[in-house]
Amino acid sequence: MDYKLALLGLVLVVVIINLPLGYLRQNYEKFSFGWYICVHISIPIIIYLRIKSGFSWNIIPLTVGGAVAGQILGGKINKRRKGNGQQKRENA
């Protein structure tokens, strides 16, 4: 049971780490240097956390999935906030 809980905690931490990075990524042109940094800067942190947590390479797909989910959610939050801000300005 502790293994599953620790794995869930690790994946949630990975999602949380990538939320702000996905948010920032939306401010850069696709495949620009800033975009690349926002997508990849969390990888060494995730590897460190995985190793320190005692997990093997077998869970890499789960951590990658968590990173992608965090990036997507952060990007959607950015788009939603920008969309709402533009609507308010147009109506004012």
C-alpha atoms as a PDB file:
ATOM      1  CA  MET A   1       0.000   0.000   0.000  1.00  0.00           C
ATOM      2  CA  ASP A   2       2.813   2.429   0.822  1.00  0.00           C
ATOM      3  CA  TYR A   3       4.318   1.815  -2.617  1.00  0.00           C
ATOM      4  CA  LYS A   4       1.107   2.855  -4.372  1.00  0.00           C
ATOM      5  CA  LEU A   5       0.680   5.913  -2.171  1.00  0.00           C
ATOM      6  CA  ALA A   6       4.281   6.991  -2.727  1.00  0.00           C
ATOM      7  CA  LEU A   7       3.879   6.507  -6.479  1.00  0.00           C
ATOM      8  CA  LEU A   8       0.671   8.546  -6.503  1.00  0.00           C
ATOM      9  CA  GLY A   9       2.428  11.269  -4.495  1.00  0.00           C
ATOM     10  CA  LEU A  10       5.341  11.345  -6.923  1.00  0.00           C
ATOM     11  CA  VAL A  11       3.069  11.631  -9.954  1.00  0.00           C
ATOM     12  CA  LEU A  12       1.073  14.424  -8.271  1.00  0.00           C
ATOM     13  CA  VAL A  13       4.286  16.308  -7.480  1.00  0.00           C
ATOM     14  CA  VAL A  14       5.325  15.955 -11.124  1.00  0.00           C
ATOM     15  CA  VAL A  15       1.964  17.378 -12.253  1.00  0.00           C
ATOM     16  CA  ILE A  16       2.279  20.286  -9.791  1.00  0.00           C
ATOM     17  CA  ILE A  17       5.839  21.051 -10.939  1.00  0.00           C
ATOM     18  CA  ASN A  18       4.717  21.188 -14.565  1.00  0.00           C
ATOM     19  CA  LEU A  19       1.599  23.334 -14.040  1.00  0.00           C
ATOM     20  CA  PRO A  20       3.458  26.662 -13.882  1.00  0.00           C
ATOM     21  CA  LEU A  21       5.812  25.553 -16.644  1.00  0.00           C
ATOM     22  CA  GLY A  22       2.870  24.753 -18.921  1.00  0.00           C
ATOM     23  CA  TYR A  23       1.366  28.114 -18.025  1.00  0.00           C
ATOM     24  CA  LEU A  24       4.593  29.911 -18.975  1.00  0.00           C
ATOM     25  CA  ARG A  25       5.049  27.801 -22.102  1.00  0.00           C
ATOM     26  CA  GLN A  26       1.950  29.382 -23.632  1.00  0.00           C
ATOM     27  CA  ASN A  27       3.738  32.751 -23.658  1.00  0.00           C
ATOM     28  CA  TYR A  28       6.399  31.529 -26.092  1.00  0.00           C
ATOM     29  CA  GLU A  29       6.283  30.709 -29.762  1.00  0.00           C
ATOM     30  CA  LYS A  30       6.200  26.963 -30.356  1.00  0.00           C
ATOM     31  CA  PHE A  31       9.685  25.400 -30.570  1.00  0.00           C
ATOM     32  CA  SER A  32      11.429  28.632 -29.514  1.00  0.00           C
ATOM     33  CA  PHE A  33      14.179  28.540 -26.893  1.00  0.00           C
ATOM     34  CA  GLY A  34      11.831  29.639 -24.090  1.00  0.00           C
ATOM     35  CA  TRP A  35       9.240  27.053 -25.102  1.00  0.00           C
ATOM     36  CA  TYR A  36      11.923  24.349 -25.117  1.00  0.00           C
ATOM     37  CA  ILE A  37      13.140  25.355 -21.649  1.00  0.00           C
ATOM     38  CA  CYS A  38       9.603  25.308 -20.208  1.00  0.00           C
ATOM     39  CA  VAL A  39       8.994  21.838 -21.607  1.00  0.00           C
ATOM     40  CA  HIS A  40      12.303  20.268 -20.555  1.00  0.00           C
ATOM     41  CA  ILE A  41      13.519  22.041 -17.393  1.00  0.00           C
ATOM     42  CA  SER A  42      11.539  19.743 -15.107  1.00  0.00           C
ATOM     43  CA  ILE A  43      13.122  16.533 -16.418  1.00  0.00           C
ATOM     44  CA  PRO A  44      16.231  16.552 -14.169  1.00  0.00           C
ATOM     45  CA  ILE A  45      14.033  17.374 -11.166  1.00  0.00           C
ATOM     46  CA  ILE A  46      11.700  14.494 -11.978  1.00  0.00           C
ATOM     47  CA  ILE A  47      14.617  12.086 -12.400  1.00  0.00           C
ATOM     48  CA  TYR A  48      16.076  13.194  -9.064  1.00  0.00           C
ATOM     49  CA  LEU A  49      12.738  12.763  -7.279  1.00  0.00           C
ATOM     50  CA  ARG A  50      12.183   9.338  -8.851  1.00  0.00           C
ATOM     51  CA  ILE A  51      15.604   8.083  -7.792  1.00  0.00           C
ATOM     52  CA  LYS A  52      15.372   9.553  -4.277  1.00  0.00           C
ATOM     53  CA  SER A  53      11.939   7.962  -3.877  1.00  0.00           C
ATOM     54  CA  GLY A  54      13.456   4.570  -4.652  1.00  0.00           C
ATOM     55  CA  PHE A  55      11.513   3.888  -7.829  1.00  0.00           C
ATOM     56  CA  SER A  56      13.067   2.101 -10.786  1.00  0.00           C
ATOM     57  CA  TRP A  57      12.966   3.114 -14.422  1.00  0.00           C
ATOM     58  CA  ASN A  58       9.706   1.146 -14.798  1.00  0.00           C
ATOM     59  CA  ILE A  59       7.628   4.108 -13.621  1.00  0.00           C
ATOM     60  CA  ILE A  60       9.077   6.552 -16.158  1.00  0.00           C
ATOM     61  CA  PRO A  61       5.920   6.339 -18.333  1.00  0.00           C
ATOM     62  CA  LEU A  62       3.818   7.418 -15.329  1.00  0.00           C
ATOM     63  CA  THR A  63       6.062  10.388 -14.561  1.00  0.00           C
ATOM     64  CA  VAL A  64       6.141  11.409 -18.219  1.00  0.00           C
ATOM     65  CA  GLY A  65       2.346  11.193 -18.273  1.00  0.00           C
ATOM     66  CA  GLY A  66       2.173  13.364 -15.168  1.00  0.00           C
ATOM     67  CA  ALA A  67       4.530  15.901 -16.737  1.00  0.00           C
ATOM     68  CA  VAL A  68       2.468  16.040 -19.932  1.00  0.00           C
ATOM     69  CA  ALA A  69      -0.755  16.385 -17.927  1.00  0.00           C
ATOM     70  CA  GLY A  70       0.743  19.258 -15.919  1.00  0.00           C
ATOM     71  CA  GLN A  71       1.930  20.996 -19.086  1.00  0.00           C
ATOM     72  CA  ILE A  72      -1.481  20.660 -20.731  1.00  0.00           C
ATOM     73  CA  LEU A  73      -3.392  21.815 -17.642  1.00  0.00           C
ATOM     74  CA  GLY A  74      -1.069  24.787 -17.155  1.00  0.00           C
ATOM     75  CA  GLY A  75      -1.490  25.775 -20.805  1.00  0.00           C
ATOM     76  CA  LYS A  76      -5.276  25.539 -20.527  1.00  0.00           C
ATOM     77  CA  ILE A  77      -5.259  27.710 -17.412  1.00  0.00           C
ATOM     78  CA  ASN A  78      -3.183  30.311 -19.265  1.00  0.00           C
ATOM     79  CA  LYS A  79      -5.515  30.289 -22.266  1.00  0.00           C
ATOM     80  CA  ARG A  80      -8.590  30.531 -20.060  1.00  0.00           C
ATOM     81  CA  ARG A  81      -7.162  33.451 -18.064  1.00  0.00           C
ATOM     82  CA  LYS A  82      -6.137  35.294 -21.215  1.00  0.00           C
ATOM     83  CA  GLY A  83      -9.515  34.602 -22.808  1.00  0.00           C
ATOM     84  CA  ASN A  84     -11.412  35.933 -19.802  1.00  0.00           C
ATOM     85  CA  GLY A  85      -9.196  39.007 -19.624  1.00  0.00           C
ATOM     86  CA  GLN A  86      -9.859  39.830 -23.275  1.00  0.00           C
ATOM     87  CA  GLN A  87     -13.611  39.423 -22.840  1.00  0.00           C
ATOM     88  CA  LYS A  88     -13.661  41.800 -19.895  1.00  0.00           C
ATOM     89  CA  ARG A  89     -11.733  44.435 -21.833  1.00  0.00           C
ATOM     90  CA  GLU A  90     -14.019  44.130 -24.852  1.00  0.00           C
ATOM     91  CA  ASN A  91     -17.169  44.487 -22.757  1.00  0.00           C
ATOM     92  CA  ALA A  92     -15.866  47.477 -20.812  1.00  0.00           C
END
